Amino acid sequence: MDPYGVLDLTRQLGREPNVDTALHIMQWELGDLTKSHVYSKWHPDLATSYKEEAKLALSALLFQARVVAALLDASPAELLAIGIETVEDRIKEKEKKVGRFEHYVGDQKGE
């Protein structure tokens, strides 16, 4: 399942798509995304440039996520639906104060 051709594009780069490489690239790009965000706070006068760098890193993360999804035969729509369902379940757990939310203080930390 590769409706966007991410596996073929990866092959055109001269690499056989695989989860290990995709995860490594995702780690690098997550680091760049984090750096861009932090630096934009440290240097507000350069925030616009760091925002563009963050977008580039995020686009590479999304591309590699699609590579992994294609290798796992999962569609982005399927994964998004699972993700939404997971968050909705966590909201219910938080409201009931069960599981990981049994002792959750969230926004009240330090107040």
C-alpha atoms as a PDB file:
ATOM      1  CA  MET A   1       0.000   0.000   0.000  1.00  0.00           C
ATOM      2  CA  ASP A   2       1.919   3.021  -1.312  1.00  0.00           C
ATOM      3  CA  PRO A   3      -0.571   5.468  -2.800  1.00  0.00           C
ATOM      4  CA  TYR A   4       1.910   8.371  -2.688  1.00  0.00           C
ATOM      5  CA  GLY A   5       4.844   6.507  -4.229  1.00  0.00           C
ATOM      6  CA  VAL A   6       7.130   7.117  -1.242  1.00  0.00           C
ATOM      7  CA  LEU A   7       8.785   3.732  -1.670  1.00  0.00           C
ATOM      8  CA  ASP A   8       9.561   4.427  -5.324  1.00  0.00           C
ATOM      9  CA  LEU A   9      10.907   7.890  -4.469  1.00  0.00           C
ATOM     10  CA  THR A  10      13.152   6.342  -1.822  1.00  0.00           C
ATOM     11  CA  ARG A  11      14.433   3.843  -4.369  1.00  0.00           C
ATOM     12  CA  GLN A  12      15.165   6.705  -6.782  1.00  0.00           C
ATOM     13  CA  LEU A  13      17.473   8.072  -4.079  1.00  0.00           C
ATOM     14  CA  GLY A  14      19.399   4.808  -4.342  1.00  0.00           C
ATOM     15  CA  ARG A  15      18.134   3.241  -1.130  1.00  0.00           C
ATOM     16  CA  GLU A  16      15.921   0.243  -0.635  1.00  0.00           C
ATOM     17  CA  PRO A  17      13.170   1.409   1.740  1.00  0.00           C
ATOM     18  CA  ASN A  18      13.377  -0.151   5.174  1.00  0.00           C
ATOM     19  CA  VAL A  19      12.034   0.630   8.621  1.00  0.00           C
ATOM     20  CA  ASP A  20      15.460   0.923  10.287  1.00  0.00           C
ATOM     21  CA  THR A  21      16.675   3.673   7.959  1.00  0.00           C
ATOM     22  CA  ALA A  22      13.331   5.469   8.041  1.00  0.00           C
ATOM     23  CA  LEU A  23      13.390   5.509  11.852  1.00  0.00           C
ATOM     24  CA  HIS A  24      16.945   6.870  11.886  1.00  0.00           C
ATOM     25  CA  ILE A  25      15.954   9.656   9.519  1.00  0.00           C
ATOM     26  CA  MET A  26      12.898  10.387  11.669  1.00  0.00           C
ATOM     27  CA  GLN A  27      15.140  10.753  14.728  1.00  0.00           C
ATOM     28  CA  TRP A  28      17.372  13.238  12.923  1.00  0.00           C
ATOM     29  CA  GLU A  29      14.413  15.229  11.655  1.00  0.00           C
ATOM     30  CA  LEU A  30      12.738  15.248  15.067  1.00  0.00           C
ATOM     31  CA  GLY A  31      15.979  16.676  16.435  1.00  0.00           C
ATOM     32  CA  ASP A  32      15.937  19.387  13.759  1.00  0.00           C
ATOM     33  CA  LEU A  33      12.301  20.156  14.507  1.00  0.00           C
ATOM     34  CA  THR A  34      13.043  20.437  18.230  1.00  0.00           C
ATOM     35  CA  LYS A  35      16.120  22.599  17.597  1.00  0.00           C
ATOM     36  CA  SER A  36      14.153  24.937  15.339  1.00  0.00           C
ATOM     37  CA  HIS A  37      11.429  25.346  17.920  1.00  0.00           C
ATOM     38  CA  VAL A  38      13.830  26.020  20.794  1.00  0.00           C
ATOM     39  CA  TYR A  39      16.022  28.375  18.770  1.00  0.00           C
ATOM     40  CA  SER A  40      12.986  30.358  17.628  1.00  0.00           C
ATOM     41  CA  LYS A  41      12.247  31.072  21.296  1.00  0.00           C
ATOM     42  CA  TRP A  42      15.871  32.004  22.014  1.00  0.00           C
ATOM     43  CA  HIS A  43      16.124  34.208  18.923  1.00  0.00           C
ATOM     44  CA  PRO A  44      12.662  35.699  18.258  1.00  0.00           C
ATOM     45  CA  ASP A  45      14.105  37.982  15.574  1.00  0.00           C
ATOM     46  CA  LEU A  46      14.895  34.836  13.548  1.00  0.00           C
ATOM     47  CA  ALA A  47      11.595  33.091  14.306  1.00  0.00           C
ATOM     48  CA  THR A  48      10.423  33.222  10.686  1.00  0.00           C
ATOM     49  CA  SER A  49      13.553  31.447   9.469  1.00  0.00           C
ATOM     50  CA  TYR A  50      13.301  28.836  12.201  1.00  0.00           C
ATOM     51  CA  LYS A  51       9.636  28.291  11.356  1.00  0.00           C
ATOM     52  CA  GLU A  52      10.624  27.439   7.781  1.00  0.00           C
ATOM     53  CA  GLU A  53      13.328  25.088   9.062  1.00  0.00           C
ATOM     54  CA  ALA A  54      10.737  23.461  11.330  1.00  0.00           C
ATOM     55  CA  LYS A  55       8.389  22.970   8.380  1.00  0.00           C
ATOM     56  CA  LEU A  56      11.157  21.310   6.385  1.00  0.00           C
ATOM     57  CA  ALA A  57      11.962  18.937   9.256  1.00  0.00           C
ATOM     58  CA  LEU A  58       8.276  18.153   9.776  1.00  0.00           C
ATOM     59  CA  SER A  59       7.804  17.452   6.071  1.00  0.00           C
ATOM     60  CA  ALA A  60      10.697  14.972   6.166  1.00  0.00           C
ATOM     61  CA  LEU A  61       9.189  13.342   9.278  1.00  0.00           C
ATOM     62  CA  LEU A  62       5.852  12.946   7.514  1.00  0.00           C
ATOM     63  CA  PHE A  63       7.521  11.501   4.420  1.00  0.00           C
ATOM     64  CA  GLN A  64       9.401   8.922   6.488  1.00  0.00           C
ATOM     65  CA  ALA A  65       6.244   8.124   8.461  1.00  0.00           C
ATOM     66  CA  ARG A  66       4.575   7.357   5.127  1.00  0.00           C
ATOM     67  CA  VAL A  67       7.511   5.126   4.202  1.00  0.00           C
ATOM     68  CA  VAL A  68       7.078   3.168   7.438  1.00  0.00           C
ATOM     69  CA  ALA A  69       3.306   3.024   6.945  1.00  0.00           C
ATOM     70  CA  ALA A  70       3.748   1.685   3.414  1.00  0.00           C
ATOM     71  CA  LEU A  71       6.227  -0.935   4.623  1.00  0.00           C
ATOM     72  CA  LEU A  72       3.697  -2.005   7.280  1.00  0.00           C
ATOM     73  CA  ASP A  73       0.850  -2.075   4.719  1.00  0.00           C
ATOM     74  CA  ALA A  74      -1.024   0.586   6.674  1.00  0.00           C
ATOM     75  CA  SER A  75      -2.700   3.581   5.107  1.00  0.00           C
ATOM     76  CA  PRO A  76      -2.243   7.060   6.573  1.00  0.00           C
ATOM     77  CA  ALA A  77      -6.030   7.249   6.983  1.00  0.00           C
ATOM     78  CA  GLU A  78      -6.050   3.978   8.942  1.00  0.00           C
ATOM     79  CA  LEU A  79      -3.232   5.184  11.199  1.00  0.00           C
ATOM     80  CA  LEU A  80      -4.890   8.539  11.783  1.00  0.00           C
ATOM     81  CA  ALA A  81      -8.148   6.809  12.728  1.00  0.00           C
ATOM     82  CA  ILE A  82      -6.284   4.576  15.198  1.00  0.00           C
ATOM     83  CA  GLY A  83      -4.498   7.622  16.622  1.00  0.00           C
ATOM     84  CA  ILE A  84      -7.736   9.547  17.089  1.00  0.00           C
ATOM     85  CA  GLU A  85      -9.379   6.545  18.751  1.00  0.00           C
ATOM     86  CA  THR A  86      -6.398   6.195  21.091  1.00  0.00           C
ATOM     87  CA  VAL A  87      -6.576   9.849  22.141  1.00  0.00           C
ATOM     88  CA  GLU A  88     -10.335   9.595  22.664  1.00  0.00           C
ATOM     89  CA  ASP A  89      -9.769   6.547  24.905  1.00  0.00           C
ATOM     90  CA  ARG A  90      -7.144   8.478  26.883  1.00  0.00           C
ATOM     91  CA  ILE A  91      -9.558  11.389  27.325  1.00  0.00           C
ATOM     92  CA  LYS A  92     -12.091   8.961  28.805  1.00  0.00           C
ATOM     93  CA  GLU A  93      -9.416   7.527  31.131  1.00  0.00           C
ATOM     94  CA  LYS A  94      -8.447  11.045  32.211  1.00  0.00           C
ATOM     95  CA  GLU A  95     -12.045  11.974  32.933  1.00  0.00           C
ATOM     96  CA  LYS A  96     -12.477   8.786  34.998  1.00  0.00           C
ATOM     97  CA  LYS A  97      -9.024   9.221  36.625  1.00  0.00           C
ATOM     98  CA  VAL A  98      -8.016   5.629  35.848  1.00  0.00           C
ATOM     99  CA  GLY A  99      -4.866   3.992  34.483  1.00  0.00           C
ATOM    100  CA  ARG A 100      -2.090   6.454  33.750  1.00  0.00           C
ATOM    101  CA  PHE A 101      -4.390   9.288  34.863  1.00  0.00           C
ATOM    102  CA  GLU A 102      -5.133   7.930  38.341  1.00  0.00           C
ATOM    103  CA  HIS A 103      -2.761  10.444  39.951  1.00  0.00           C
ATOM    104  CA  TYR A 104      -2.558  12.931  37.077  1.00  0.00           C
ATOM    105  CA  VAL A 105      -2.346  16.585  38.075  1.00  0.00           C
ATOM    106  CA  GLY A 106      -1.674  17.986  34.598  1.00  0.00           C
ATOM    107  CA  ASP A 107      -2.063  21.745  34.367  1.00  0.00           C
ATOM    108  CA  GLN A 108      -2.177  22.070  38.133  1.00  0.00           C
ATOM    109  CA  LYS A 109       1.499  21.181  38.487  1.00  0.00           C
ATOM    110  CA  GLY A 110       3.322  23.711  40.622  1.00  0.00           C
ATOM    111  CA  GLU A 111       0.178  25.630  41.565  1.00  0.00           C
END
